[in-house]
Structures are given as structure tokens and as C-alpha cells.
Amino acid sequence: MADQRILYNEEMVGANHPTKADTLNRRGNVEHEQDGTHKTLPVLTVTKQKLTLATELTIAAGVITATQALHLVDTEADAASDDLDTINGGAAGQMLAIRAAHTDRTVVVKHNTGNILTDVANISLDSTSKYLFFIYDGTLSKWVLVGSGSGSVTKSADAILSGAPVILTLKGSDGIDYYVKGYPTKT
């Protein structure tokens, strides 16, 4: 935020001057409404979000089809590693969480190869405790990464996303709280 203090070469002018800008109160006006109350930031609240139990999807030629908000993803023919290029089944604003179905098989989520945008790099799901959280962008027709359950992608995501992060708490049907760190995207 720009420096809101009165500078040495400015006049000190108070509120409601007929022709001059209010310099005396501008610092306070940045953080307060006209009536003196604090400005509020937008808050995204998810209450009692209950995800259905995860179902397993197997990659076929680099593709899976999401049918709900939470999925386990397995490699084609139980290969040691497999690339995930495309996730079918998205609708604007839809949320999706995925994780590897097995620790001994790695799912490599490919950045911008199909309809998945990560944080500018491929991401390996090599643990059953590592989640990726996406929101489907209907304008881009792509699943956009908004966070991870393990926090492993947030540092590089900060480079392409802007604004203050929003932390969501989602309670799974297994009773575990899942935390999602989301960002507004740069325009």
C-alpha cells in the first residue's frame, strides 16, 4: 500500500473542504469507512462441508473423470508411475480434491498438458497423505490448483497467485479436518 502520511510539500487539509483533497484523514480513510467503522475484507466461509467418501479412479491414457469432490487416483495397470494430463467432468466453480490411491505408485499431475493448471510445474502425488485441491474455471475450461493438503506447493504458487490467502476447513466424512489454502488468481 502506498504511504498515506502527509508529505512535507502538501497542505494539511481536513474533511469536507469544498475544493481540496482530505490529506489529514486519508491514512485513516484507507482502513475505515466514512462512519469510522473498520473496513472489512471479503470472507469465504464454508460451513459443515461434508465430502462423500473418496472413490478410486484409475488413469486411462492420462485421463480420469471426476464424479464427486473427493477421489483417490491410481496408475494405469498399477504401473509404478503414471501421468495425469486431463480431468474430465468439471463444471464452473466445482471443487475437487485428489490424492494417490497407493504410496508405492506415483501419480504425476501434469501442468498445462491437458486441462490442469498447477503452480507452473508438474506435481508428484507420491504419498497417500498428499492432497491437491482444484477449482474448475469455466472460462479457461481447466482445473486450477488452489492448494495442497501437505502445503508442498504453496511457496511456488505464491509466485503466480495474488492477494491474501483464504484458509478453508473441510471436514471429511471420516471425521478428519482438511485445510485448504486458496488464493485469488492474478488477472
C-alpha atoms as a PDB file:
ATOM      1  CA  MET A   1       0.000   0.000   0.000  1.00  0.00           C
ATOM      2  CA  ALA A   2       1.274   3.466  -0.809  1.00  0.00           C
ATOM      3  CA  ASP A   3       2.451   5.756   2.002  1.00  0.00           C
ATOM      4  CA  GLN A   4      -0.640   7.658   3.205  1.00  0.00           C
ATOM      5  CA  ARG A   5       1.153  10.120   5.519  1.00  0.00           C
ATOM      6  CA  ILE A   6       1.060  13.841   4.784  1.00  0.00           C
ATOM      7  CA  LEU A   7       4.241  14.770   2.918  1.00  0.00           C
ATOM      8  CA  TYR A   8       6.346  17.907   3.542  1.00  0.00           C
ATOM      9  CA  ASN A   9       5.183  19.557   0.327  1.00  0.00           C
ATOM     10  CA  GLU A  10       1.437  19.045   0.940  1.00  0.00           C
ATOM     11  CA  GLU A  11      -1.109  21.191   2.734  1.00  0.00           C
ATOM     12  CA  MET A  12      -2.809  19.784   5.801  1.00  0.00           C
ATOM     13  CA  VAL A  13      -6.490  19.767   4.788  1.00  0.00           C
ATOM     14  CA  GLY A  14      -9.338  18.245   6.804  1.00  0.00           C
ATOM     15  CA  ALA A  15     -12.576  16.582   5.795  1.00  0.00           C
ATOM     16  CA  ASN A  16     -15.271  18.280   3.672  1.00  0.00           C
ATOM     17  CA  HIS A  17     -13.101  21.001   2.148  1.00  0.00           C
ATOM     18  CA  PRO A  18     -15.000  22.270  -0.917  1.00  0.00           C
ATOM     19  CA  THR A  19     -12.074  22.089  -3.380  1.00  0.00           C
ATOM     20  CA  LYS A  20      -9.101  20.268  -1.798  1.00  0.00           C
ATOM     21  CA  ALA A  21      -8.485  16.619  -1.050  1.00  0.00           C
ATOM     22  CA  ASP A  22      -8.574  15.474   2.577  1.00  0.00           C
ATOM     23  CA  THR A  23      -4.918  14.829   3.474  1.00  0.00           C
ATOM     24  CA  LEU A  24      -5.382  14.874   7.257  1.00  0.00           C
ATOM     25  CA  ASN A  25      -7.714  11.866   7.353  1.00  0.00           C
ATOM     26  CA  ARG A  26      -6.631   9.864   4.305  1.00  0.00           C
ATOM     27  CA  ARG A  27      -4.480   7.420   6.273  1.00  0.00           C
ATOM     28  CA  GLY A  28      -7.442   6.544   8.480  1.00  0.00           C
ATOM     29  CA  ASN A  29      -9.819   6.502   5.499  1.00  0.00           C
ATOM     30  CA  VAL A  30      -7.841   3.660   3.907  1.00  0.00           C
ATOM     31  CA  GLU A  31      -8.669   1.408   6.843  1.00  0.00           C
ATOM     32  CA  HIS A  32     -12.074   2.825   7.826  1.00  0.00           C
ATOM     33  CA  GLU A  33     -15.432   3.555   6.300  1.00  0.00           C
ATOM     34  CA  GLN A  34     -16.806   7.133   6.294  1.00  0.00           C
ATOM     35  CA  ASP A  35     -18.704   6.440   9.530  1.00  0.00           C
ATOM     36  CA  GLY A  36     -15.478   5.369  11.293  1.00  0.00           C
ATOM     37  CA  THR A  37     -16.137   1.631  11.316  1.00  0.00           C
ATOM     38  CA  HIS A  38     -13.390  -0.705  10.167  1.00  0.00           C
ATOM     39  CA  LYS A  39     -13.410  -1.785   6.545  1.00  0.00           C
ATOM     40  CA  THR A  40     -13.997  -5.484   6.261  1.00  0.00           C
ATOM     41  CA  LEU A  41     -12.238  -7.855   3.927  1.00  0.00           C
ATOM     42  CA  PRO A  42     -14.239 -10.416   1.992  1.00  0.00           C
ATOM     43  CA  VAL A  43     -14.502 -13.665   3.909  1.00  0.00           C
ATOM     44  CA  LEU A  44     -15.185 -17.010   2.327  1.00  0.00           C
ATOM     45  CA  THR A  45     -16.893 -19.319   4.785  1.00  0.00           C
ATOM     46  CA  VAL A  46     -17.614 -22.968   4.249  1.00  0.00           C
ATOM     47  CA  THR A  47     -19.746 -24.426   6.979  1.00  0.00           C
ATOM     48  CA  LYS A  48     -20.318 -28.106   7.549  1.00  0.00           C
ATOM     49  CA  GLN A  49     -18.900 -29.072   4.175  1.00  0.00           C
ATOM     50  CA  LYS A  50     -19.202 -32.842   4.078  1.00  0.00           C
ATOM     51  CA  LEU A  51     -17.378 -34.710   1.386  1.00  0.00           C
ATOM     52  CA  THR A  52     -18.605 -38.115   0.347  1.00  0.00           C
ATOM     53  CA  LEU A  53     -16.178 -40.973   0.859  1.00  0.00           C
ATOM     54  CA  ALA A  54     -13.438 -40.954  -1.738  1.00  0.00           C
ATOM     55  CA  THR A  55     -13.828 -43.277  -4.684  1.00  0.00           C
ATOM     56  CA  GLU A  56     -10.909 -44.612  -6.659  1.00  0.00           C
ATOM     57  CA  LEU A  57     -10.310 -43.573 -10.246  1.00  0.00           C
ATOM     58  CA  THR A  58      -7.745 -45.283 -12.466  1.00  0.00           C
ATOM     59  CA  ILE A  59      -5.857 -43.253 -15.049  1.00  0.00           C
ATOM     60  CA  ALA A  60      -6.573 -44.376 -18.629  1.00  0.00           C
ATOM     61  CA  ALA A  61      -4.351 -42.804 -21.302  1.00  0.00           C
ATOM     62  CA  GLY A  62      -3.630 -39.844 -18.992  1.00  0.00           C
ATOM     63  CA  VAL A  63      -7.298 -39.158 -18.180  1.00  0.00           C
ATOM     64  CA  ILE A  64      -9.702 -39.562 -15.264  1.00  0.00           C
ATOM     65  CA  THR A  65     -13.329 -38.431 -14.945  1.00  0.00           C
ATOM     66  CA  ALA A  66     -14.333 -36.760 -11.677  1.00  0.00           C
ATOM     67  CA  THR A  67     -17.769 -37.796 -10.460  1.00  0.00           C
ATOM     68  CA  GLN A  68     -17.651 -36.196  -6.999  1.00  0.00           C
ATOM     69  CA  ALA A  69     -15.499 -33.827  -4.915  1.00  0.00           C
ATOM     70  CA  LEU A  70     -13.002 -36.352  -3.490  1.00  0.00           C
ATOM     71  CA  HIS A  71     -11.127 -39.071  -5.365  1.00  0.00           C
ATOM     72  CA  LEU A  72      -8.200 -41.431  -4.930  1.00  0.00           C
ATOM     73  CA  VAL A  73      -6.204 -41.706  -8.154  1.00  0.00           C
ATOM     74  CA  ASP A  74      -4.350 -44.859  -9.198  1.00  0.00           C
ATOM     75  CA  THR A  75      -1.950 -45.507 -12.047  1.00  0.00           C
ATOM     76  CA  GLU A  76      -2.978 -47.383 -15.172  1.00  0.00           C
ATOM     77  CA  ALA A  77      -2.313 -51.136 -14.832  1.00  0.00           C
ATOM     78  CA  ASP A  78      -0.767 -50.485 -11.373  1.00  0.00           C
ATOM     79  CA  ALA A  79       2.351 -49.022 -13.032  1.00  0.00           C
ATOM     80  CA  ALA A  80       4.997 -47.552 -10.701  1.00  0.00           C
ATOM     81  CA  SER A  81       4.293 -44.086 -12.142  1.00  0.00           C
ATOM     82  CA  ASP A  82       1.707 -42.581 -14.472  1.00  0.00           C
ATOM     83  CA  ASP A  83       0.942 -39.104 -15.815  1.00  0.00           C
ATOM     84  CA  LEU A  84      -2.397 -37.398 -15.187  1.00  0.00           C
ATOM     85  CA  ASP A  85      -2.963 -34.903 -18.019  1.00  0.00           C
ATOM     86  CA  THR A  86      -6.727 -34.373 -18.039  1.00  0.00           C
ATOM     87  CA  ILE A  87      -9.589 -34.482 -15.565  1.00  0.00           C
ATOM     88  CA  ASN A  88     -12.979 -34.718 -17.257  1.00  0.00           C
ATOM     89  CA  GLY A  89     -16.267 -33.874 -15.569  1.00  0.00           C
ATOM     90  CA  GLY A  90     -15.676 -30.263 -14.477  1.00  0.00           C
ATOM     91  CA  ALA A  91     -18.293 -27.544 -14.136  1.00  0.00           C
ATOM     92  CA  ALA A  92     -17.615 -23.867 -13.346  1.00  0.00           C
ATOM     93  CA  GLY A  93     -16.839 -23.387  -9.656  1.00  0.00           C
ATOM     94  CA  GLN A  94     -16.695 -27.095  -8.869  1.00  0.00           C
ATOM     95  CA  MET A  95     -14.179 -28.121  -6.205  1.00  0.00           C
ATOM     96  CA  LEU A  96     -12.104 -31.290  -6.421  1.00  0.00           C
ATOM     97  CA  ALA A  97      -9.615 -32.911  -4.053  1.00  0.00           C
ATOM     98  CA  ILE A  98      -7.403 -35.779  -5.216  1.00  0.00           C
ATOM     99  CA  ARG A  99      -4.685 -37.918  -3.687  1.00  0.00           C
ATOM    100  CA  ALA A 100      -2.720 -41.007  -4.681  1.00  0.00           C
ATOM    101  CA  ALA A 101      -4.502 -44.298  -4.052  1.00  0.00           C
ATOM    102  CA  HIS A 102      -1.250 -46.044  -3.093  1.00  0.00           C
ATOM    103  CA  THR A 103       2.046 -44.836  -1.627  1.00  0.00           C
ATOM    104  CA  ASP A 104       4.006 -47.303  -3.800  1.00  0.00           C
ATOM    105  CA  ARG A 105       2.636 -45.823  -7.067  1.00  0.00           C
ATOM    106  CA  THR A 106       3.226 -42.200  -8.121  1.00  0.00           C
ATOM    107  CA  VAL A 107       0.654 -40.091  -9.965  1.00  0.00           C
ATOM    108  CA  VAL A 108       2.361 -37.189 -11.778  1.00  0.00           C
ATOM    109  CA  VAL A 109      -0.121 -34.343 -12.236  1.00  0.00           C
ATOM    110  CA  LYS A 110       0.999 -32.576 -15.415  1.00  0.00           C
ATOM    111  CA  HIS A 111       0.935 -28.799 -15.599  1.00  0.00           C
ATOM    112  CA  ASN A 112      -0.957 -27.430 -18.623  1.00  0.00           C
ATOM    113  CA  THR A 113      -0.586 -30.586 -20.712  1.00  0.00           C
ATOM    114  CA  GLY A 114      -4.343 -31.186 -20.800  1.00  0.00           C
ATOM    115  CA  ASN A 115      -6.854 -29.259 -18.717  1.00  0.00           C
ATOM    116  CA  ILE A 116      -4.913 -28.982 -15.438  1.00  0.00           C
ATOM    117  CA  LEU A 117      -3.111 -25.822 -14.285  1.00  0.00           C
ATOM    118  CA  THR A 118      -0.774 -26.341 -11.354  1.00  0.00           C
ATOM    119  CA  ASP A 119       1.753 -23.894  -9.977  1.00  0.00           C
ATOM    120  CA  VAL A 120       3.893 -23.895 -13.180  1.00  0.00           C
ATOM    121  CA  ALA A 121       5.390 -27.344 -12.570  1.00  0.00           C
ATOM    122  CA  ASN A 122       4.355 -30.985 -12.551  1.00  0.00           C
ATOM    123  CA  ILE A 123       3.419 -32.317  -9.108  1.00  0.00           C
ATOM    124  CA  SER A 124       4.024 -35.885  -7.945  1.00  0.00           C
ATOM    125  CA  LEU A 125       1.428 -37.461  -5.708  1.00  0.00           C
ATOM    126  CA  ASP A 126       3.759 -39.991  -4.104  1.00  0.00           C
ATOM    127  CA  SER A 127       2.050 -40.308  -0.736  1.00  0.00           C
ATOM    128  CA  THR A 128      -1.476 -41.098   0.361  1.00  0.00           C
ATOM    129  CA  SER A 129      -1.357 -38.106   2.709  1.00  0.00           C
ATOM    130  CA  LYS A 130      -0.654 -35.523  -0.012  1.00  0.00           C
ATOM    131  CA  TYR A 131      -3.827 -33.886  -1.353  1.00  0.00           C
ATOM    132  CA  LEU A 132      -4.250 -31.457  -4.241  1.00  0.00           C
ATOM    133  CA  PHE A 133      -7.245 -29.116  -4.277  1.00  0.00           C
ATOM    134  CA  PHE A 134      -8.641 -27.701  -7.517  1.00  0.00           C
ATOM    135  CA  ILE A 135     -11.443 -25.404  -8.629  1.00  0.00           C
ATOM    136  CA  TYR A 136     -12.760 -25.721 -12.160  1.00  0.00           C
ATOM    137  CA  ASP A 137     -12.509 -22.448 -14.098  1.00  0.00           C
ATOM    138  CA  GLY A 138     -15.311 -22.450 -16.656  1.00  0.00           C
ATOM    139  CA  THR A 139     -13.755 -19.598 -18.643  1.00  0.00           C
ATOM    140  CA  LEU A 140     -10.437 -21.406 -19.038  1.00  0.00           C
ATOM    141  CA  SER A 141     -12.057 -24.859 -19.177  1.00  0.00           C
ATOM    142  CA  LYS A 142      -9.346 -26.029 -16.788  1.00  0.00           C
ATOM    143  CA  TRP A 143      -8.896 -27.371 -13.275  1.00  0.00           C
ATOM    144  CA  VAL A 144      -6.851 -24.717 -11.423  1.00  0.00           C
ATOM    145  CA  LEU A 145      -4.768 -25.753  -8.421  1.00  0.00           C
ATOM    146  CA  VAL A 146      -5.684 -23.687  -5.354  1.00  0.00           C
ATOM    147  CA  GLY A 147      -3.734 -25.553  -2.687  1.00  0.00           C
ATOM    148  CA  SER A 148      -2.456 -28.776  -1.255  1.00  0.00           C
ATOM    149  CA  GLY A 149      -3.156 -30.661   1.935  1.00  0.00           C
ATOM    150  CA  SER A 150       0.510 -31.032   2.729  1.00  0.00           C
ATOM    151  CA  GLY A 151       1.488 -27.431   1.907  1.00  0.00           C
ATOM    152  CA  SER A 152       4.095 -28.635  -0.551  1.00  0.00           C
ATOM    153  CA  VAL A 153       3.039 -26.361  -3.417  1.00  0.00           C
ATOM    154  CA  THR A 154       2.095 -23.124  -1.678  1.00  0.00           C
ATOM    155  CA  LYS A 155       5.507 -21.401  -1.910  1.00  0.00           C
ATOM    156  CA  SER A 156       5.734 -21.656  -5.678  1.00  0.00           C
ATOM    157  CA  ALA A 157       2.010 -20.978  -6.051  1.00  0.00           C
ATOM    158  CA  ASP A 158       2.561 -17.619  -4.326  1.00  0.00           C
ATOM    159  CA  ALA A 159       4.597 -16.556  -7.386  1.00  0.00           C
ATOM    160  CA  ILE A 160       1.638 -16.789  -9.793  1.00  0.00           C
ATOM    161  CA  LEU A 161      -1.276 -16.084  -7.475  1.00  0.00           C
ATOM    162  CA  SER A 162      -2.132 -12.819  -5.778  1.00  0.00           C
ATOM    163  CA  GLY A 163      -3.990 -11.491  -2.810  1.00  0.00           C
ATOM    164  CA  ALA A 164      -4.306 -12.734   0.721  1.00  0.00           C
ATOM    165  CA  PRO A 165      -4.785 -16.474   1.047  1.00  0.00           C
ATOM    166  CA  VAL A 166      -8.058 -17.849   2.325  1.00  0.00           C
ATOM    167  CA  ILE A 167      -7.927 -20.895   4.592  1.00  0.00           C
ATOM    168  CA  LEU A 168     -10.894 -23.241   4.373  1.00  0.00           C
ATOM    169  CA  THR A 169     -11.575 -26.080   6.772  1.00  0.00           C
ATOM    170  CA  LEU A 170     -13.344 -29.041   5.247  1.00  0.00           C
ATOM    171  CA  LYS A 171     -14.469 -31.913   7.461  1.00  0.00           C
ATOM    172  CA  GLY A 172     -14.287 -35.228   5.680  1.00  0.00           C
ATOM    173  CA  SER A 173     -16.873 -37.917   6.273  1.00  0.00           C
ATOM    174  CA  ASP A 174     -14.076 -39.792   8.080  1.00  0.00           C
ATOM    175  CA  GLY A 175     -14.130 -37.043  10.756  1.00  0.00           C
ATOM    176  CA  ILE A 176     -10.755 -35.559   9.764  1.00  0.00           C
ATOM    177  CA  ASP A 177     -10.417 -31.807   9.221  1.00  0.00           C
ATOM    178  CA  TYR A 178      -8.762 -30.919   5.900  1.00  0.00           C
ATOM    179  CA  TYR A 179      -7.297 -27.435   5.475  1.00  0.00           C
ATOM    180  CA  VAL A 180      -7.263 -25.768   2.084  1.00  0.00           C
ATOM    181  CA  LYS A 181      -5.214 -22.672   1.335  1.00  0.00           C
ATOM    182  CA  GLY A 182      -6.763 -20.795  -1.597  1.00  0.00           C
ATOM    183  CA  TYR A 183      -5.748 -17.663  -3.448  1.00  0.00           C
ATOM    184  CA  PRO A 184      -7.425 -15.204  -5.770  1.00  0.00           C
ATOM    185  CA  THR A 185      -5.811 -15.610  -9.191  1.00  0.00           C
ATOM    186  CA  LYS A 186      -3.971 -12.799 -10.956  1.00  0.00           C
ATOM    187  CA  THR A 187      -5.890 -11.237 -13.815  1.00  0.00           C
END
